[in-house]
Protein backbone atom coordinates (compact mmCIF):
# COMPACT_ATOMS: atom_id res chain seq x y z
CA MET A 1 36.54 12.54 199.83
CA GLN A 2 32.74 12.45 200.20
CA ILE A 3 32.33 14.79 197.21
CA LYS A 4 34.63 12.62 195.10
CA HIS A 5 32.79 9.47 196.17
CA THR A 6 29.42 11.02 195.28
CA ALA A 7 30.74 12.18 191.91
CA ALA A 8 32.09 8.71 191.19
CA LEU A 9 28.75 7.13 192.01
CA ALA A 10 26.99 9.63 189.76
CA THR A 11 29.38 8.83 186.94
CA LEU A 12 28.80 5.11 187.39
CA ALA A 13 25.03 5.60 187.38
CA LEU A 14 25.22 7.68 184.22
CA THR A 15 27.44 5.09 182.54
CA ALA A 16 25.09 2.29 183.52
CA GLY A 17 22.11 4.25 182.22
CA CYS A 18 23.83 4.81 178.89
CA ALA A 19 24.79 1.14 178.68
CA MET A 20 21.15 0.16 179.25
CA ALA A 21 19.79 2.55 176.62
CA GLN A 22 18.44 0.71 173.59
CA GLN A 23 19.77 1.96 170.27
CA GLY A 24 16.97 3.25 168.03
CA VAL A 25 14.37 3.53 170.79
CA SER A 26 13.59 6.78 172.60
CA LYS A 27 10.67 7.79 174.81
CA THR A 28 8.75 8.98 171.76
CA GLU A 29 10.16 7.18 168.72
CA ILE A 30 11.35 3.88 167.25
CA THR A 31 13.79 4.21 164.35
CA LEU A 32 13.91 1.48 161.73
CA GLY A 33 16.19 1.17 158.72
CA SER A 34 15.83 -0.46 155.33
CA ILE A 35 18.00 -0.78 152.24
CA GLN A 36 16.24 -0.96 148.88
CA ASP A 37 17.19 -0.79 145.23
CA LEU A 38 15.81 2.61 144.26
CA SER A 39 17.91 3.19 141.14
CA GLY A 40 19.27 -0.14 139.85
CA PRO A 41 18.06 -3.27 138.06
CA ALA A 42 15.58 -4.20 140.82
CA VAL A 43 14.17 -0.67 141.22
CA SER A 44 10.63 -1.78 140.38
CA LEU A 45 10.78 -4.09 143.39
CA GLY A 46 12.58 -1.79 145.81
CA LYS A 47 10.47 1.27 145.08
CA GLN A 48 7.24 -0.62 145.66
CA ALA A 49 8.53 -2.23 148.87
CA ARG A 50 9.48 1.23 150.13
CA LEU A 51 6.00 2.62 149.47
CA GLY A 52 4.34 -0.36 151.14
CA MET A 53 6.46 0.18 154.24
CA MET A 54 5.67 3.89 154.28
CA LEU A 55 1.94 3.20 154.02
CA ARG A 56 1.94 0.96 157.09
CA VAL A 57 4.24 3.30 159.05
CA ASP A 58 1.85 6.20 158.38
CA GLU A 59 -1.16 4.11 159.42
CA ILE A 60 0.51 3.07 162.67
CA ASN A 61 1.48 6.65 163.51
CA GLU A 62 -2.02 7.91 162.71
CA GLN A 63 -3.34 5.32 165.18
CA GLY A 64 -1.05 6.54 167.96
CA GLY A 65 2.10 4.53 167.34
CA ILE A 66 3.37 1.50 169.27
CA ASN A 67 3.01 1.71 173.05
CA GLY A 68 3.09 5.49 172.77
CA ARG A 69 6.05 5.67 170.36
CA LYS A 70 5.84 6.83 166.75
CA LEU A 71 7.61 4.87 164.02
CA ARG A 72 10.33 6.41 161.88
CA ILE A 73 11.89 4.57 158.95
CA ILE A 74 15.07 5.59 157.11
CA ILE A 75 15.48 3.98 153.69
CA GLU A 76 18.79 3.94 151.82
CA ASP A 77 19.47 3.07 148.16
CA SER A 78 21.87 0.22 147.35
CA ASN A 79 21.53 0.44 143.56
CA TYR A 80 21.40 -3.37 143.90
CA ASP A 81 25.14 -3.36 144.62
CA PRO A 82 26.31 -5.38 147.66
CA LYS A 83 29.20 -2.97 148.23
CA LYS A 84 26.79 -0.04 148.44
CA ALA A 85 24.51 -2.10 150.69
CA PHE A 86 27.46 -2.58 153.05
CA LEU A 87 28.08 1.18 153.16
CA ALA A 88 24.38 1.89 153.62
CA ALA A 89 24.28 -0.55 156.54
CA GLN A 90 27.24 1.21 158.16
CA LYS A 91 25.40 4.53 157.91
CA LEU A 92 22.10 3.21 159.24
CA VAL A 93 23.65 1.27 162.12
CA ASN A 94 26.43 3.61 163.22
CA GLN A 95 25.18 7.09 162.26
CA ASP A 96 21.40 6.83 162.26
CA ARG A 97 21.54 4.28 165.08
CA ILE A 98 18.54 2.26 163.93
CA PHE A 99 16.80 -0.22 166.20
CA MET A 100 16.34 -2.79 163.47
CA MET A 101 16.93 -3.44 159.75
CA VAL A 102 13.65 -4.38 158.06
CA GLY A 103 12.91 -5.68 154.57
CA HIS A 104 16.42 -5.24 153.15
CA ILE A 105 16.31 -6.37 149.51
CA GLY A 106 18.77 -8.76 147.87
CA THR A 107 20.62 -11.90 148.93
CA ALA A 108 24.25 -10.80 148.47
CA HIS A 109 23.29 -7.41 149.86
CA ASN A 110 21.95 -8.84 153.12
CA LEU A 111 24.98 -11.08 153.49
CA ALA A 112 27.21 -8.02 153.12
CA ALA A 113 25.24 -5.98 155.65
CA MET A 114 24.54 -8.50 158.41
CA PRO A 115 28.03 -8.48 160.00
CA VAL A 116 27.78 -4.68 160.38
CA GLN A 117 24.39 -5.07 162.07
CA PHE A 118 25.21 -8.00 164.30
CA GLU A 119 28.28 -6.26 165.72
CA LYS A 120 25.86 -3.69 167.21
CA ASN A 121 23.09 -6.18 168.12
CA VAL A 122 20.86 -4.87 165.30
CA MET A 123 18.40 -7.47 164.03
CA ASN A 124 17.92 -8.42 160.37
CA PHE A 125 14.14 -8.65 160.20
CA PHE A 126 12.18 -10.16 157.29
CA PRO A 127 14.63 -9.41 154.45
CA LEU A 128 13.28 -9.27 150.91
CA THR A 129 15.17 -12.31 149.76
CA ALA A 130 14.27 -15.96 150.10
CA ALA A 131 17.80 -17.30 150.53
CA ARG A 132 18.20 -19.86 153.31
CA GLU A 133 21.06 -17.82 154.80
CA MET A 134 18.43 -15.35 156.03
CA TYR A 135 17.52 -17.78 158.81
CA GLU A 136 20.23 -20.47 158.68
CA PRO A 137 22.22 -21.12 160.72
CA LEU A 138 19.87 -20.20 163.57
CA HIS A 139 20.80 -16.80 164.98
CA LYS A 140 18.91 -14.69 167.50
CA LEU A 141 19.11 -11.66 165.17
CA LYS A 142 17.83 -13.35 161.97
CA TYR A 143 14.11 -13.72 161.18
CA ALA A 144 12.75 -14.57 157.72
CA PHE A 145 9.26 -14.63 156.23
CA SER A 146 9.83 -15.37 152.56
CA VAL A 147 9.71 -19.06 151.61
CA PRO A 148 13.28 -20.06 150.66
CA TYR A 149 14.00 -19.99 146.92
CA PHE A 150 15.36 -23.49 147.30
CA ASP A 151 12.09 -24.84 148.71
CA GLN A 152 9.89 -22.79 146.37
CA ILE A 153 11.47 -24.22 143.28
CA ARG A 154 12.12 -27.68 144.69
CA LYS A 155 8.38 -28.13 145.19
CA THR A 156 6.96 -26.27 142.19
CA ALA A 157 9.43 -27.60 139.59
CA SER A 158 8.72 -31.24 140.37
CA LYS A 159 4.97 -30.52 140.42
CA LEU A 160 5.02 -28.95 136.94
CA VAL A 161 7.27 -31.65 135.48
CA LYS A 162 4.91 -34.39 136.63
CA GLU A 163 1.72 -32.57 135.61
CA LYS A 164 3.00 -31.74 132.12
CA ASN A 165 5.00 -34.93 131.55
CA ILE A 166 8.17 -32.96 130.81
CA LYS A 167 11.30 -34.91 129.88
CA LYS A 168 13.97 -32.20 129.52
CA VAL A 169 14.49 -29.33 131.96
CA CYS A 170 17.04 -26.51 131.67
CA THR A 171 17.94 -23.67 134.00
CA MET A 172 19.17 -20.14 133.41
CA TYR A 173 20.24 -18.33 136.56
CA GLN A 174 21.97 -15.24 137.88
CA ASP A 175 25.55 -16.10 138.83
CA ASP A 176 25.29 -15.17 142.51
CA GLU A 177 23.82 -16.45 145.78
CA PHE A 178 20.25 -15.75 144.63
CA GLY A 179 20.50 -17.51 141.28
CA LEU A 180 22.36 -20.46 142.74
CA GLU A 181 19.61 -21.04 145.31
CA VAL A 182 16.98 -21.18 142.54
CA MET A 183 19.13 -23.49 140.43
CA ARG A 184 19.81 -25.82 143.37
CA GLY A 185 16.15 -25.90 144.35
CA GLY A 186 15.19 -27.07 140.87
CA GLU A 187 18.01 -29.59 140.93
CA ALA A 188 16.76 -31.07 144.21
CA GLY A 189 13.18 -31.17 142.95
CA LEU A 190 14.22 -32.99 139.79
CA LYS A 191 16.35 -35.49 141.71
CA SER A 192 13.34 -36.33 143.87
CA ILE A 193 11.61 -37.65 140.73
CA GLY A 194 14.70 -39.25 139.19
CA MET A 195 15.70 -36.44 136.84
CA ASP A 196 18.47 -33.88 136.37
CA TYR A 197 18.95 -30.71 134.35
CA THR A 198 19.61 -31.26 130.65
CA GLU A 199 21.40 -27.90 130.41
CA LYS A 200 22.60 -25.23 132.85
CA THR A 201 23.52 -21.70 131.84
CA SER A 202 24.17 -18.57 133.89
CA TYR A 203 24.62 -14.81 133.45
CA LYS A 204 26.32 -12.02 135.39
CA ARG A 205 24.24 -9.66 137.53
CA GLY A 206 23.19 -6.67 135.39
CA ALA A 207 23.42 -8.52 132.04
CA THR A 208 21.00 -7.48 129.28
CA ASP A 209 21.84 -9.87 126.41
CA PHE A 210 20.69 -13.47 126.82
CA SER A 211 20.97 -14.68 123.23
CA SER A 212 23.78 -17.16 123.92
CA GLN A 213 22.00 -18.67 126.94
CA VAL A 214 18.74 -19.04 125.02
CA ALA A 215 20.55 -20.62 122.07
CA ARG A 216 22.14 -23.24 124.34
CA MET A 217 18.81 -24.17 125.92
CA LYS A 218 17.03 -24.30 122.59
CA ALA A 219 19.74 -26.55 121.14
CA ALA A 220 19.34 -28.87 124.13
CA GLY A 221 15.64 -29.27 123.31
CA CYS A 222 14.48 -28.21 126.75
CA GLU A 223 10.73 -28.38 127.38
CA MET A 224 10.90 -26.43 130.66
CA VAL A 225 13.23 -23.71 131.94
CA VAL A 226 13.77 -22.86 135.60
CA LEU A 227 14.60 -19.15 135.76
CA GLY A 228 16.84 -17.82 138.51
CA THR A 229 16.06 -14.31 137.26
CA ILE A 230 14.53 -11.12 138.61
CA VAL A 231 12.64 -8.55 136.50
CA ARG A 232 14.72 -7.33 133.55
CA GLU A 233 16.34 -10.72 133.10
CA THR A 234 13.02 -12.58 133.14
CA ILE A 235 11.57 -10.29 130.49
CA GLY A 236 14.78 -10.37 128.45
CA ALA A 237 15.22 -14.14 128.51
CA ILE A 238 11.60 -14.94 127.67
CA GLY A 239 11.46 -12.22 125.02
CA GLU A 240 14.59 -13.56 123.34
CA SER A 241 13.19 -17.10 123.51
CA ARG A 242 9.90 -16.12 121.85
CA LYS A 243 11.79 -14.33 119.05
CA THR A 244 13.72 -17.48 118.24
CA GLY A 245 10.69 -19.77 118.37
CA PHE A 246 11.79 -21.36 121.63
CA ASN A 247 8.63 -21.80 123.72
CA PRO A 248 9.19 -24.06 126.74
CA VAL A 249 7.33 -23.89 130.05
CA PHE A 250 8.98 -21.11 132.06
CA LEU A 251 9.07 -21.27 135.87
CA ALA A 252 10.49 -18.45 138.01
CA SER A 253 10.75 -17.83 141.74
CA ASN A 254 8.81 -15.18 143.61
CA ALA A 255 11.61 -12.72 142.75
CA ALA A 256 9.91 -12.48 139.34
CA TYR A 257 6.37 -12.60 140.70
CA ILE A 258 5.49 -8.95 140.11
CA ASP A 259 3.05 -7.15 137.84
CA VAL A 260 5.77 -5.21 136.02
CA ILE A 261 6.69 -8.49 134.28
CA HIS A 262 3.51 -8.56 132.22
CA LYS A 263 3.16 -4.76 132.07
CA LEU A 264 6.59 -4.32 130.46
CA GLY A 265 6.97 -7.71 128.80
CA GLY A 266 3.54 -7.79 127.18
CA LYS A 267 2.11 -10.82 125.43
CA ALA A 268 5.45 -12.62 125.35
CA MET A 269 5.08 -13.18 129.11
CA GLU A 270 1.81 -15.12 128.76
CA GLY A 271 2.02 -18.54 130.37
CA LEU A 272 4.95 -17.76 132.70
CA TYR A 273 4.68 -19.59 136.03
CA ALA A 274 6.11 -18.28 139.31
CA SER A 275 6.14 -19.58 142.85
CA MET A 276 4.44 -17.18 145.24
CA THR A 277 2.59 -16.63 148.51
CA ALA A 278 0.90 -13.21 148.72
CA HIS A 279 -1.50 -12.35 145.90
CA ASN A 280 -0.54 -9.44 143.62
CA PRO A 281 -2.93 -6.59 144.60
CA TYR A 282 -4.79 -5.46 141.48
CA LEU A 283 -7.10 -2.42 141.68
CA ASP A 284 -9.98 -4.50 140.30
CA ASP A 285 -9.19 -7.66 142.26
CA ALA A 286 -12.10 -10.00 142.91
CA SER A 287 -11.25 -9.91 146.63
CA GLN A 288 -12.86 -6.86 148.26
CA PRO A 289 -10.17 -6.48 150.98
CA ILE A 290 -7.37 -6.57 148.39
CA ARG A 291 -9.27 -4.20 146.11
CA PHE A 292 -9.84 -1.75 148.99
CA TRP A 293 -6.18 -1.87 150.03
CA ALA A 294 -4.93 -1.43 146.44
CA ASN A 295 -7.12 1.60 145.89
CA LYS A 296 -6.01 3.12 149.20
CA PHE A 297 -2.40 2.70 148.05
CA LYS A 298 -3.20 4.26 144.66
CA THR A 299 -4.90 7.23 146.31
CA LYS A 300 -1.91 7.88 148.58
CA PHE A 301 0.93 7.44 146.11
CA ASN A 302 -0.78 7.98 142.74
CA GLU A 303 0.45 4.68 141.36
CA GLU A 304 -0.70 1.10 141.40
CA PRO A 305 0.74 -1.26 144.01
CA SER A 306 2.56 -4.50 143.31
CA VAL A 307 3.09 -7.59 145.42
CA PHE A 308 6.30 -5.98 146.71
CA SER A 309 4.14 -3.16 148.09
CA ALA A 310 2.23 -5.85 149.98
CA TYR A 311 5.51 -7.37 151.23
CA GLY A 312 6.70 -4.01 152.56
CA TYR A 313 3.36 -3.41 154.23
CA LEU A 314 3.28 -6.85 155.85
CA ILE A 315 6.88 -6.61 157.09
CA VAL A 316 6.18 -3.39 159.00
CA ASP A 317 2.84 -4.77 160.20
CA THR A 318 4.47 -7.87 161.71
CA PHE A 319 7.19 -5.75 163.28
CA ALA A 320 4.51 -3.59 164.89
CA ARG A 321 2.66 -6.63 166.27
CA ALA A 322 5.79 -8.01 167.90
CA ALA A 323 6.91 -4.59 169.19
CA GLN A 324 3.47 -4.02 170.71
CA GLN A 325 3.64 -7.41 172.40
CA ALA A 326 7.17 -6.66 173.67
CA GLY A 327 5.69 -3.88 175.80
CA SER A 328 6.78 -0.39 176.72
CA ASN A 329 10.33 -1.47 177.60
CA LEU A 330 11.25 -2.23 173.99
CA THR A 331 14.69 -3.76 173.57
CA THR A 332 16.20 -6.23 171.14
CA GLU A 333 15.83 -8.91 173.82
CA SER A 334 12.17 -8.14 174.58
CA PHE A 335 11.42 -8.10 170.85
CA ILE A 336 13.08 -11.50 170.38
CA LYS A 337 11.01 -12.91 173.25
CA ALA A 338 7.84 -11.64 171.55
CA MET A 339 8.83 -12.95 168.12
CA ASP A 340 9.65 -16.37 169.47
CA THR A 341 5.99 -16.84 170.42
CA MET A 342 4.56 -15.02 167.36
CA SER A 343 2.09 -16.58 164.96
CA THR A 344 0.07 -14.86 162.25
CA PRO A 345 -3.02 -16.08 160.40
CA THR A 346 -3.60 -15.87 156.67
CA ASP A 347 -3.63 -12.18 155.73
CA ILE A 348 -5.78 -10.34 153.18
CA PHE A 349 -3.26 -11.21 150.44
CA GLY A 350 -3.65 -14.94 151.05
CA SER A 351 -0.20 -15.54 152.54
CA ALA A 352 0.21 -18.83 154.37
CA PRO A 353 -0.04 -18.70 158.19
CA THR A 354 3.30 -18.24 159.95
CA SER A 355 4.72 -19.25 163.32
CA PHE A 356 8.03 -18.68 165.08
CA SER A 357 9.81 -20.18 168.08
CA PRO A 358 13.25 -20.02 169.73
CA THR A 359 14.40 -22.73 167.31
CA LYS A 360 12.37 -21.67 164.25
CA HIS A 361 13.05 -18.26 162.71
CA MET A 362 11.44 -19.00 159.33
CA GLY A 363 7.71 -18.27 159.26
CA SER A 364 6.53 -20.81 156.69
CA ASP A 365 7.93 -22.97 153.90
CA ALA A 366 4.64 -23.29 152.00
CA ALA A 367 4.50 -22.00 148.42
CA ARG A 368 1.94 -22.06 145.59
CA LEU A 369 1.95 -21.39 141.85
CA SER A 370 0.66 -18.43 139.90
CA GLN A 371 0.62 -17.99 136.12
CA ILE A 372 0.26 -15.01 133.80
CA VAL A 373 -3.12 -15.49 132.11
CA ASP A 374 -4.67 -12.77 129.94
CA GLY A 375 -2.14 -10.22 131.15
CA LYS A 376 -2.50 -10.82 134.90
CA TRP A 377 -1.13 -13.13 137.55
CA LYS A 378 -3.64 -15.84 138.41
CA VAL A 379 -3.22 -18.30 141.31
CA VAL A 380 -3.24 -21.79 139.78
CA SER A 381 -2.41 -24.11 142.68
CA ASP A 382 -3.00 -24.59 146.37
CA TYR A 383 -0.10 -24.34 148.82
CA ILE A 384 2.43 -27.14 148.46
CA ASN A 385 3.52 -27.96 152.01
């Protein structure tokens, strides 16, 4: 009887120990996961975000890790398809047993993956989408850092309309959660100054021909167009507009704030406005810290960074700060406790300061405007709070 009793106690102790073990955290390693578009229409964003994350992970490991643990990051490709994002999340959460999902790109993609994560108490940390669903409704496993598309465009659209005395505003947007958020943000901004869209037109994700949408907006006589577009669609829509002699003021969200827009789109992209926070890191930037960082990136990966490289870098950096603060007993709960007191100052890329609390899981809602001038993004406004 004594032997059986001892064996039972041992079994209970082992079971309790297993129950207490934190998924994705061992004595020597923390495993993170991310889902990027590495082969689809947003590949120029996803690839750069991946490299930015890798750069910061390598730096952290070279400096000894986080409380004695090295960082490991596993990055899956969604091809910018929400169904593939769902499958990738299942793999990362259930097979790779990640501690946390970081910097997952895409609105619909995050919405598809979050239920898989939350079932296993895996946090969705700083996704690369500015949809309000990334932090609303308040959830202990959702933290966002990108200013909501809705707020970005609500503030910047009304600012441009007033400054340029624009009478007719159109919108062209991707027919999904992302595009709708941009469209609605512009709508709210216009209503705040007693206006509404003159014309609305949408397109399906992955579309390449925008001639009918451009024709509708041109016929409506629109002086400004709010673009709920990403990279290919921004270039395609503006390029088609220029060809037809349609030259309104174009305003996009930070989803289109990336150097590949002017590198691929050329002179036709001149004058495009986009809402933004972090400065695009050019190799010859006037800011010495940005210039140093950009050249370090170029040396490591043999290609120039973009603002999405900066996003990836900053996401891992903030994770590391909170994980360090959480202490050696790193769990989802200890990380949440650290994040709920976290604040960060303006970084080298000029991002607005952020702060979090138990009731505030969105870092900042401040956005500013940048414009393509002489083939480069140039900051043209202060933060609009």
